[in-house]
């Protein structure tokens, strides 16, 4: 996280540094704390089954009939994890609601 922290110190008043790639519930707070960044980029995704596409197979493999989607539950858990360590943070709830419906 040293490089991100340094970039944030040098350029954070001119650009927004968004750590991403590998950001998960178990490490999000440490990433924010160690880098000094105020935002992150993550998908908070889950695998969802689409049963409407399974009718043709007698023994379907669910993995073949699933898709990846943003999980409102995962996002809520992540925000709760951040709040438990940082307290209430300003969150644009309209944006959060928007991204959870894709």
C-alpha atoms as a PDB file:
ATOM      1  CA  UNK A   1       0.000   0.000   0.000  1.00  0.00           C
ATOM      2  CA  UNK A   2       3.042   2.232   0.279  1.00  0.00           C
ATOM      3  CA  UNK A   3       2.951   3.373  -3.336  1.00  0.00           C
ATOM      4  CA  UNK A   4      -0.773   4.225  -3.212  1.00  0.00           C
ATOM      5  CA  UNK A   5      -0.267   6.099   0.053  1.00  0.00           C
ATOM      6  CA  UNK A   6       2.582   8.084  -1.493  1.00  0.00           C
ATOM      7  CA  UNK A   7       0.561   8.912  -4.633  1.00  0.00           C
ATOM      8  CA  UNK A   8      -2.348   9.986  -2.470  1.00  0.00           C
ATOM      9  CA  UNK A   9      -0.066  12.246  -0.418  1.00  0.00           C
ATOM     10  CA  UNK A  10       1.489  13.784  -3.534  1.00  0.00           C
ATOM     11  CA  UNK A  11      -1.522  14.091  -5.831  1.00  0.00           C
ATOM     12  CA  UNK A  12      -4.640  13.456  -3.722  1.00  0.00           C
ATOM     13  CA  UNK A  13      -5.533  17.139  -3.656  1.00  0.00           C
ATOM     14  CA  UNK A  14      -5.624  17.185  -7.483  1.00  0.00           C
ATOM     15  CA  UNK A  15      -6.942  13.745  -8.436  1.00  0.00           C
ATOM     16  CA  UNK A  16      -8.891  10.994  -6.716  1.00  0.00           C
ATOM     17  CA  UNK A  17      -6.899   7.828  -6.126  1.00  0.00           C
ATOM     18  CA  UNK A  18      -9.176   4.766  -6.269  1.00  0.00           C
ATOM     19  CA  UNK A  19      -7.555   1.542  -5.066  1.00  0.00           C
ATOM     20  CA  UNK A  20      -9.038  -1.416  -6.929  1.00  0.00           C
ATOM     21  CA  UNK A  21      -8.341  -4.987  -7.878  1.00  0.00           C
ATOM     22  CA  UNK A  22      -8.477  -7.414  -4.967  1.00  0.00           C
ATOM     23  CA  UNK A  23     -10.487  -5.093  -2.715  1.00  0.00           C
ATOM     24  CA  UNK A  24     -12.744  -7.308  -0.610  1.00  0.00           C
ATOM     25  CA  UNK A  25     -14.751  -7.100   2.594  1.00  0.00           C
ATOM     26  CA  UNK A  26     -11.902  -8.573   4.658  1.00  0.00           C
ATOM     27  CA  UNK A  27      -9.321  -5.999   3.502  1.00  0.00           C
ATOM     28  CA  UNK A  28     -11.267  -2.850   2.557  1.00  0.00           C
ATOM     29  CA  UNK A  29     -10.757  -1.083   5.891  1.00  0.00           C
ATOM     30  CA  UNK A  30      -7.023  -1.805   5.919  1.00  0.00           C
ATOM     31  CA  UNK A  31      -6.703  -0.495   2.359  1.00  0.00           C
ATOM     32  CA  UNK A  32      -8.502   2.751   3.215  1.00  0.00           C
ATOM     33  CA  UNK A  33      -6.499   3.161   6.418  1.00  0.00           C
ATOM     34  CA  UNK A  34      -3.100   2.337   4.918  1.00  0.00           C
ATOM     35  CA  UNK A  35      -3.474   4.423   1.757  1.00  0.00           C
ATOM     36  CA  UNK A  36      -5.348   7.400   3.203  1.00  0.00           C
ATOM     37  CA  UNK A  37      -7.754   7.140   0.259  1.00  0.00           C
ATOM     38  CA  UNK A  38     -11.415   8.009   0.787  1.00  0.00           C
ATOM     39  CA  UNK A  39     -12.856   5.942  -2.072  1.00  0.00           C
ATOM     40  CA  UNK A  40     -12.366   2.449  -3.472  1.00  0.00           C
ATOM     41  CA  UNK A  41     -13.247   0.633  -6.672  1.00  0.00           C
ATOM     42  CA  UNK A  42     -14.758  -2.819  -6.287  1.00  0.00           C
ATOM     43  CA  UNK A  43     -17.512  -4.949  -7.744  1.00  0.00           C
ATOM     44  CA  UNK A  44     -18.919  -6.677  -4.622  1.00  0.00           C
ATOM     45  CA  UNK A  45     -20.223  -9.295  -6.989  1.00  0.00           C
ATOM     46  CA  UNK A  46     -21.923 -12.642  -6.531  1.00  0.00           C
ATOM     47  CA  UNK A  47     -22.845 -15.536  -8.790  1.00  0.00           C
ATOM     48  CA  UNK A  48     -26.596 -15.777  -9.478  1.00  0.00           C
ATOM     49  CA  UNK A  49     -28.451 -18.683 -11.003  1.00  0.00           C
ATOM     50  CA  UNK A  50     -30.812 -18.044 -13.925  1.00  0.00           C
ATOM     51  CA  UNK A  51     -33.247 -20.967 -13.784  1.00  0.00           C
ATOM     52  CA  UNK A  52     -35.141 -19.716 -16.828  1.00  0.00           C
ATOM     53  CA  UNK A  53     -32.287 -20.959 -19.022  1.00  0.00           C
ATOM     54  CA  UNK A  54     -32.081 -24.462 -17.534  1.00  0.00           C
ATOM     55  CA  UNK A  55     -35.179 -26.048 -19.067  1.00  0.00           C
ATOM     56  CA  UNK A  56     -33.374 -27.755 -21.969  1.00  0.00           C
ATOM     57  CA  UNK A  57     -31.000 -29.899 -19.864  1.00  0.00           C
ATOM     58  CA  UNK A  58     -32.076 -32.945 -17.847  1.00  0.00           C
ATOM     59  CA  UNK A  59     -29.079 -32.675 -15.498  1.00  0.00           C
ATOM     60  CA  UNK A  60     -27.949 -29.060 -15.766  1.00  0.00           C
ATOM     61  CA  UNK A  61     -24.722 -27.836 -14.244  1.00  0.00           C
ATOM     62  CA  UNK A  62     -25.767 -24.688 -12.377  1.00  0.00           C
ATOM     63  CA  UNK A  63     -22.423 -23.067 -13.095  1.00  0.00           C
ATOM     64  CA  UNK A  64     -23.280 -22.975 -16.801  1.00  0.00           C
ATOM     65  CA  UNK A  65     -26.550 -21.163 -16.104  1.00  0.00           C
ATOM     66  CA  UNK A  66     -25.263 -18.502 -13.752  1.00  0.00           C
ATOM     67  CA  UNK A  67     -24.119 -14.927 -14.175  1.00  0.00           C
ATOM     68  CA  UNK A  68     -22.169 -12.404 -12.128  1.00  0.00           C
ATOM     69  CA  UNK A  69     -24.028  -9.443 -10.643  1.00  0.00           C
ATOM     70  CA  UNK A  70     -23.450  -6.692  -8.090  1.00  0.00           C
ATOM     71  CA  UNK A  71     -24.759  -7.788  -4.719  1.00  0.00           C
ATOM     72  CA  UNK A  72     -26.606  -5.259  -2.579  1.00  0.00           C
ATOM     73  CA  UNK A  73     -26.027  -7.584   0.377  1.00  0.00           C
ATOM     74  CA  UNK A  74     -22.258  -7.601  -0.228  1.00  0.00           C
ATOM     75  CA  UNK A  75     -22.179  -3.817  -0.604  1.00  0.00           C
ATOM     76  CA  UNK A  76     -24.152  -3.364   2.618  1.00  0.00           C
ATOM     77  CA  UNK A  77     -21.801  -5.704   4.486  1.00  0.00           C
ATOM     78  CA  UNK A  78     -18.787  -3.807   3.160  1.00  0.00           C
ATOM     79  CA  UNK A  79     -20.260  -0.433   4.137  1.00  0.00           C
ATOM     80  CA  UNK A  80     -21.066  -1.801   7.610  1.00  0.00           C
ATOM     81  CA  UNK A  81     -17.492  -3.034   7.953  1.00  0.00           C
ATOM     82  CA  UNK A  82     -16.185   0.426   7.056  1.00  0.00           C
ATOM     83  CA  UNK A  83     -18.650   2.128   9.425  1.00  0.00           C
ATOM     84  CA  UNK A  84     -17.677  -0.169  12.289  1.00  0.00           C
ATOM     85  CA  UNK A  85     -14.071   1.017  12.009  1.00  0.00           C
ATOM     86  CA  UNK A  86     -14.520   4.591  10.777  1.00  0.00           C
ATOM     87  CA  UNK A  87     -17.982   5.582  11.971  1.00  0.00           C
ATOM     88  CA  UNK A  88     -20.543   7.078   9.631  1.00  0.00           C
ATOM     89  CA  UNK A  89     -19.083   8.220   6.341  1.00  0.00           C
ATOM     90  CA  UNK A  90     -20.895  10.403   3.826  1.00  0.00           C
ATOM     91  CA  UNK A  91     -22.410   8.015   1.296  1.00  0.00           C
ATOM     92  CA  UNK A  92     -24.310   8.963  -1.803  1.00  0.00           C
ATOM     93  CA  UNK A  93     -27.201   6.562  -1.229  1.00  0.00           C
ATOM     94  CA  UNK A  94     -28.762   7.364  -4.602  1.00  0.00           C
ATOM     95  CA  UNK A  95     -25.543   6.242  -6.306  1.00  0.00           C
ATOM     96  CA  UNK A  96     -25.264   3.153  -4.082  1.00  0.00           C
ATOM     97  CA  UNK A  97     -28.841   2.184  -4.957  1.00  0.00           C
ATOM     98  CA  UNK A  98     -28.146   2.821  -8.652  1.00  0.00           C
ATOM     99  CA  UNK A  99     -25.105   0.555  -8.841  1.00  0.00           C
ATOM    100  CA  UNK A 100     -26.769  -2.281  -6.941  1.00  0.00           C
ATOM    101  CA  UNK A 101     -29.395  -2.702  -9.653  1.00  0.00           C
ATOM    102  CA  UNK A 102     -27.031  -3.695 -12.450  1.00  0.00           C
END
